[in-house]
Each structure stands twice: as structure tokens, then as C-alpha cells.
N, C-alpha and C. Protein backbone atom coordinates (compact mmCIF):
# COMPACT_ATOMS: atom_id res chain seq x y z
N MET A 1 -16.33 2.47 -24.90
CA MET A 1 -15.25 3.03 -24.12
C MET A 1 -15.35 2.53 -22.68
N LEU A 2 -14.23 2.11 -22.13
CA LEU A 2 -14.21 1.62 -20.76
C LEU A 2 -14.14 2.78 -19.78
N SER A 3 -14.86 2.63 -18.67
CA SER A 3 -14.82 3.67 -17.65
C SER A 3 -13.52 3.57 -16.86
N ILE A 4 -13.19 4.63 -16.17
CA ILE A 4 -11.98 4.66 -15.35
C ILE A 4 -12.05 3.58 -14.28
N GLU A 5 -13.24 3.34 -13.72
CA GLU A 5 -13.39 2.33 -12.69
C GLU A 5 -13.07 0.94 -13.22
N VAL A 6 -13.56 0.61 -14.40
CA VAL A 6 -13.31 -0.70 -15.00
C VAL A 6 -11.82 -0.88 -15.27
N ILE A 7 -11.19 0.15 -15.79
CA ILE A 7 -9.75 0.07 -16.06
C ILE A 7 -8.98 -0.12 -14.76
N PHE A 8 -9.36 0.64 -13.73
CA PHE A 8 -8.65 0.53 -12.46
C PHE A 8 -8.86 -0.85 -11.83
N PHE A 9 -10.08 -1.36 -11.85
CA PHE A 9 -10.35 -2.70 -11.31
C PHE A 9 -9.57 -3.78 -12.05
N SER A 10 -9.33 -3.59 -13.34
CA SER A 10 -8.55 -4.59 -14.08
C SER A 10 -7.09 -4.58 -13.63
N LYS A 11 -6.62 -3.45 -13.17
CA LYS A 11 -5.24 -3.35 -12.67
C LYS A 11 -5.16 -3.80 -11.21
N ASN A 12 -6.21 -3.54 -10.45
CA ASN A 12 -6.20 -3.83 -9.03
C ASN A 12 -7.61 -4.21 -8.58
N PRO A 13 -7.93 -5.49 -8.53
CA PRO A 13 -9.27 -5.93 -8.17
C PRO A 13 -9.72 -5.49 -6.78
N CYS A 14 -8.78 -5.16 -5.89
CA CYS A 14 -9.15 -4.68 -4.55
C CYS A 14 -9.51 -3.20 -4.56
N ALA A 15 -9.23 -2.52 -5.65
CA ALA A 15 -9.53 -1.09 -5.81
C ALA A 15 -8.90 -0.23 -4.74
N SER A 16 -7.71 -0.61 -4.30
CA SER A 16 -7.02 0.18 -3.28
C SER A 16 -5.91 0.99 -3.93
N VAL A 17 -5.46 2.00 -3.23
CA VAL A 17 -4.34 2.79 -3.69
C VAL A 17 -3.27 2.76 -2.62
N PRO A 18 -2.04 2.86 -2.94
CA PRO A 18 -1.47 3.13 -4.25
C PRO A 18 -1.34 1.87 -5.10
N VAL A 19 -1.12 2.08 -6.38
CA VAL A 19 -0.84 0.99 -7.32
C VAL A 19 0.39 1.41 -8.12
N LEU A 20 1.37 0.53 -8.17
CA LEU A 20 2.59 0.78 -8.94
C LEU A 20 2.56 -0.11 -10.17
N GLU A 21 2.68 0.49 -11.35
CA GLU A 21 2.75 -0.27 -12.60
C GLU A 21 4.20 -0.36 -13.03
N LEU A 22 4.68 -1.59 -13.18
CA LEU A 22 6.06 -1.82 -13.59
C LEU A 22 6.18 -1.80 -15.11
N ASP A 23 7.41 -1.70 -15.60
CA ASP A 23 7.66 -1.65 -17.04
C ASP A 23 7.13 -2.88 -17.78
N ASP A 24 7.10 -4.04 -17.10
CA ASP A 24 6.63 -5.26 -17.76
C ASP A 24 5.11 -5.44 -17.68
N GLY A 25 4.40 -4.45 -17.13
CA GLY A 25 2.95 -4.52 -17.04
C GLY A 25 2.43 -5.11 -15.74
N THR A 26 3.32 -5.50 -14.85
CA THR A 26 2.92 -6.01 -13.53
C THR A 26 2.42 -4.85 -12.68
N TYR A 27 1.40 -5.12 -11.86
CA TYR A 27 0.87 -4.12 -10.93
C TYR A 27 1.10 -4.59 -9.50
N ILE A 28 1.61 -3.70 -8.67
CA ILE A 28 1.78 -3.98 -7.25
C ILE A 28 0.88 -2.98 -6.52
N SER A 29 -0.01 -3.49 -5.66
CA SER A 29 -1.05 -2.61 -5.14
C SER A 29 -1.08 -2.43 -3.63
N GLU A 30 -0.15 -2.94 -2.90
CA GLU A 30 -0.11 -2.71 -1.47
C GLU A 30 1.11 -1.88 -1.13
N TYR A 31 0.94 -0.88 -0.28
CA TYR A 31 2.06 0.03 -0.02
C TYR A 31 3.28 -0.68 0.54
N SER A 32 3.09 -1.67 1.41
CA SER A 32 4.24 -2.38 1.97
C SER A 32 4.96 -3.19 0.90
N ALA A 33 4.22 -3.75 -0.03
CA ALA A 33 4.84 -4.49 -1.14
C ALA A 33 5.58 -3.54 -2.08
N ILE A 34 5.03 -2.36 -2.29
CA ILE A 34 5.69 -1.36 -3.13
C ILE A 34 6.99 -0.90 -2.50
N ILE A 35 6.96 -0.68 -1.19
CA ILE A 35 8.18 -0.26 -0.49
C ILE A 35 9.25 -1.35 -0.58
N GLU A 36 8.85 -2.61 -0.39
CA GLU A 36 9.81 -3.71 -0.52
C GLU A 36 10.40 -3.77 -1.93
N TYR A 37 9.55 -3.61 -2.93
CA TYR A 37 10.01 -3.64 -4.32
C TYR A 37 11.04 -2.54 -4.57
N ILE A 38 10.71 -1.31 -4.18
CA ILE A 38 11.62 -0.18 -4.37
C ILE A 38 12.92 -0.41 -3.62
N ASP A 39 12.80 -0.88 -2.38
CA ASP A 39 13.98 -1.08 -1.54
C ASP A 39 14.94 -2.11 -2.12
N HIS A 40 14.41 -3.14 -2.76
CA HIS A 40 15.27 -4.20 -3.29
C HIS A 40 15.63 -4.00 -4.76
N THR A 41 15.04 -3.00 -5.41
CA THR A 41 15.32 -2.75 -6.82
C THR A 41 16.36 -1.66 -7.01
N PHE A 42 16.32 -0.65 -6.17
CA PHE A 42 17.19 0.51 -6.35
C PHE A 42 18.22 0.59 -5.23
N GLU A 43 19.39 1.05 -5.59
CA GLU A 43 20.46 1.21 -4.60
C GLU A 43 20.24 2.50 -3.82
N GLY A 44 20.84 2.56 -2.66
CA GLY A 44 20.75 3.76 -1.83
C GLY A 44 20.38 3.36 -0.41
N ILE A 45 19.92 4.32 0.35
CA ILE A 45 19.55 4.09 1.73
C ILE A 45 18.37 3.11 1.78
N SER A 46 18.46 2.14 2.68
CA SER A 46 17.40 1.14 2.81
C SER A 46 16.14 1.76 3.40
N LEU A 47 15.00 1.47 2.78
CA LEU A 47 13.72 1.93 3.31
C LEU A 47 13.19 1.01 4.40
N THR A 48 13.64 -0.24 4.36
CA THR A 48 13.12 -1.24 5.30
C THR A 48 14.19 -1.76 6.25
N GLU A 49 15.29 -1.03 6.33
CA GLU A 49 16.40 -1.36 7.23
C GLU A 49 17.06 -2.69 6.85
N THR A 50 18.11 -3.05 7.56
CA THR A 50 18.86 -4.24 7.20
C THR A 50 18.92 -5.28 8.31
N SER A 51 18.87 -4.87 9.57
CA SER A 51 18.95 -5.87 10.64
C SER A 51 17.58 -6.50 10.89
N ALA A 52 17.60 -7.69 11.44
CA ALA A 52 16.35 -8.39 11.73
C ALA A 52 15.50 -7.60 12.72
N LYS A 53 16.13 -7.02 13.72
CA LYS A 53 15.39 -6.25 14.73
C LYS A 53 14.73 -5.02 14.11
N GLU A 54 15.48 -4.27 13.29
CA GLU A 54 14.93 -3.07 12.66
C GLU A 54 13.77 -3.42 11.72
N ARG A 55 13.93 -4.48 10.95
CA ARG A 55 12.85 -4.90 10.04
C ARG A 55 11.62 -5.34 10.81
N ALA A 56 11.83 -6.05 11.92
CA ALA A 56 10.71 -6.52 12.74
C ALA A 56 9.93 -5.34 13.32
N VAL A 57 10.64 -4.32 13.78
CA VAL A 57 9.98 -3.14 14.33
C VAL A 57 9.17 -2.43 13.25
N ILE A 58 9.73 -2.30 12.05
CA ILE A 58 9.01 -1.67 10.94
C ILE A 58 7.75 -2.46 10.60
N ILE A 59 7.85 -3.77 10.50
CA ILE A 59 6.69 -4.61 10.19
C ILE A 59 5.64 -4.48 11.28
N MET A 60 6.07 -4.48 12.55
CA MET A 60 5.14 -4.33 13.67
C MET A 60 4.37 -3.00 13.55
N MET A 61 5.07 -1.93 13.26
CA MET A 61 4.41 -0.62 13.15
C MET A 61 3.46 -0.58 11.96
N GLN A 62 3.83 -1.22 10.86
CA GLN A 62 2.94 -1.28 9.70
C GLN A 62 1.65 -2.01 10.06
N ARG A 63 1.78 -3.16 10.72
CA ARG A 63 0.60 -3.93 11.10
C ARG A 63 -0.29 -3.15 12.05
N ARG A 64 0.32 -2.44 12.99
CA ARG A 64 -0.47 -1.62 13.91
C ARG A 64 -1.24 -0.54 13.16
N ALA A 65 -0.56 0.10 12.23
CA ALA A 65 -1.23 1.14 11.45
C ALA A 65 -2.39 0.55 10.65
N GLU A 66 -2.16 -0.60 10.05
CA GLU A 66 -3.21 -1.24 9.25
C GLU A 66 -4.40 -1.65 10.10
N SER A 67 -4.14 -2.28 11.24
CA SER A 67 -5.24 -2.83 12.03
C SER A 67 -5.92 -1.80 12.92
N MET A 68 -5.18 -0.85 13.44
CA MET A 68 -5.75 0.07 14.41
C MET A 68 -6.28 1.36 13.79
N TYR A 69 -5.60 1.87 12.80
CA TYR A 69 -5.96 3.18 12.27
C TYR A 69 -6.65 3.13 10.93
N LEU A 70 -6.12 2.35 10.03
CA LEU A 70 -6.69 2.33 8.69
C LEU A 70 -8.09 1.73 8.66
N THR A 71 -8.38 0.81 9.57
CA THR A 71 -9.73 0.24 9.62
C THR A 71 -10.75 1.24 10.14
N LEU A 72 -10.31 2.27 10.86
CA LEU A 72 -11.21 3.28 11.39
C LEU A 72 -11.57 4.36 10.37
N LEU A 73 -10.76 4.53 9.36
CA LEU A 73 -10.98 5.61 8.40
C LEU A 73 -12.36 5.57 7.73
N PRO A 74 -12.85 4.43 7.26
CA PRO A 74 -14.19 4.43 6.67
C PRO A 74 -15.27 4.87 7.66
N LEU A 75 -15.15 4.45 8.91
CA LEU A 75 -16.13 4.86 9.91
C LEU A 75 -16.09 6.36 10.16
N ILE A 76 -14.91 6.92 10.22
CA ILE A 76 -14.77 8.37 10.41
C ILE A 76 -15.37 9.11 9.22
N PHE A 77 -15.12 8.61 8.03
CA PHE A 77 -15.67 9.24 6.83
C PHE A 77 -17.19 9.22 6.85
N ILE A 78 -17.78 8.09 7.22
CA ILE A 78 -19.25 7.99 7.29
C ILE A 78 -19.79 8.94 8.34
N MET A 79 -19.13 9.02 9.49
CA MET A 79 -19.59 9.94 10.54
C MET A 79 -19.54 11.39 10.06
N LEU A 80 -18.50 11.74 9.32
CA LEU A 80 -18.41 13.10 8.80
C LEU A 80 -19.52 13.40 7.79
N LEU A 81 -19.90 12.41 7.04
CA LEU A 81 -20.99 12.60 6.07
C LEU A 81 -22.34 12.83 6.76
N MET A 82 -22.47 12.27 7.94
CA MET A 82 -23.74 12.38 8.67
C MET A 82 -23.89 13.73 9.37
N VAL A 83 -22.82 14.49 9.48
CA VAL A 83 -22.87 15.78 10.18
C VAL A 83 -23.48 16.83 9.31
């Protein structure tokens, strides 16, 4: 029997969340890629805006969140474990 970890790694070698499994068995594992997929697959209000300026601002904010905040989370977690 395969462990949950082995199954998850087979779907997403980076072992990150979230992971979206499509009907055809494709896995998308980055939140920005998932948002783009949803935005271009389903009709309704745009999640990623439509003008070049609005999209650029969204991408800029995503990159800032990834580089400035998300990289700090493991360090914060380790510090909390040491308390």
C-alpha cells in the first residue's frame, strides 16, 4: 500500500499546496497557475482583471507576497517550535 506522502509526491513533486486535479488527470500545483486556469476556464467576473495595468499590479503583488512573506513562514514556524 502506498503512503499518502508517496501519492501526493506523484501528483506534485514540489509537495506544495494547493494542488488542483483536472478531469483529464492533469495536476496544477501553484496558486497563481490555478487562478489563471479558473479565470480562463469559467465565465463570470475576472479573477485576474482584464487591462494590462490591472494584471501587472496583481502580478506585482503576488511576487511581493511570494518573495517577502511566504519565504519567512518556515523561519517563523521554526522559531515557534523553539519556544
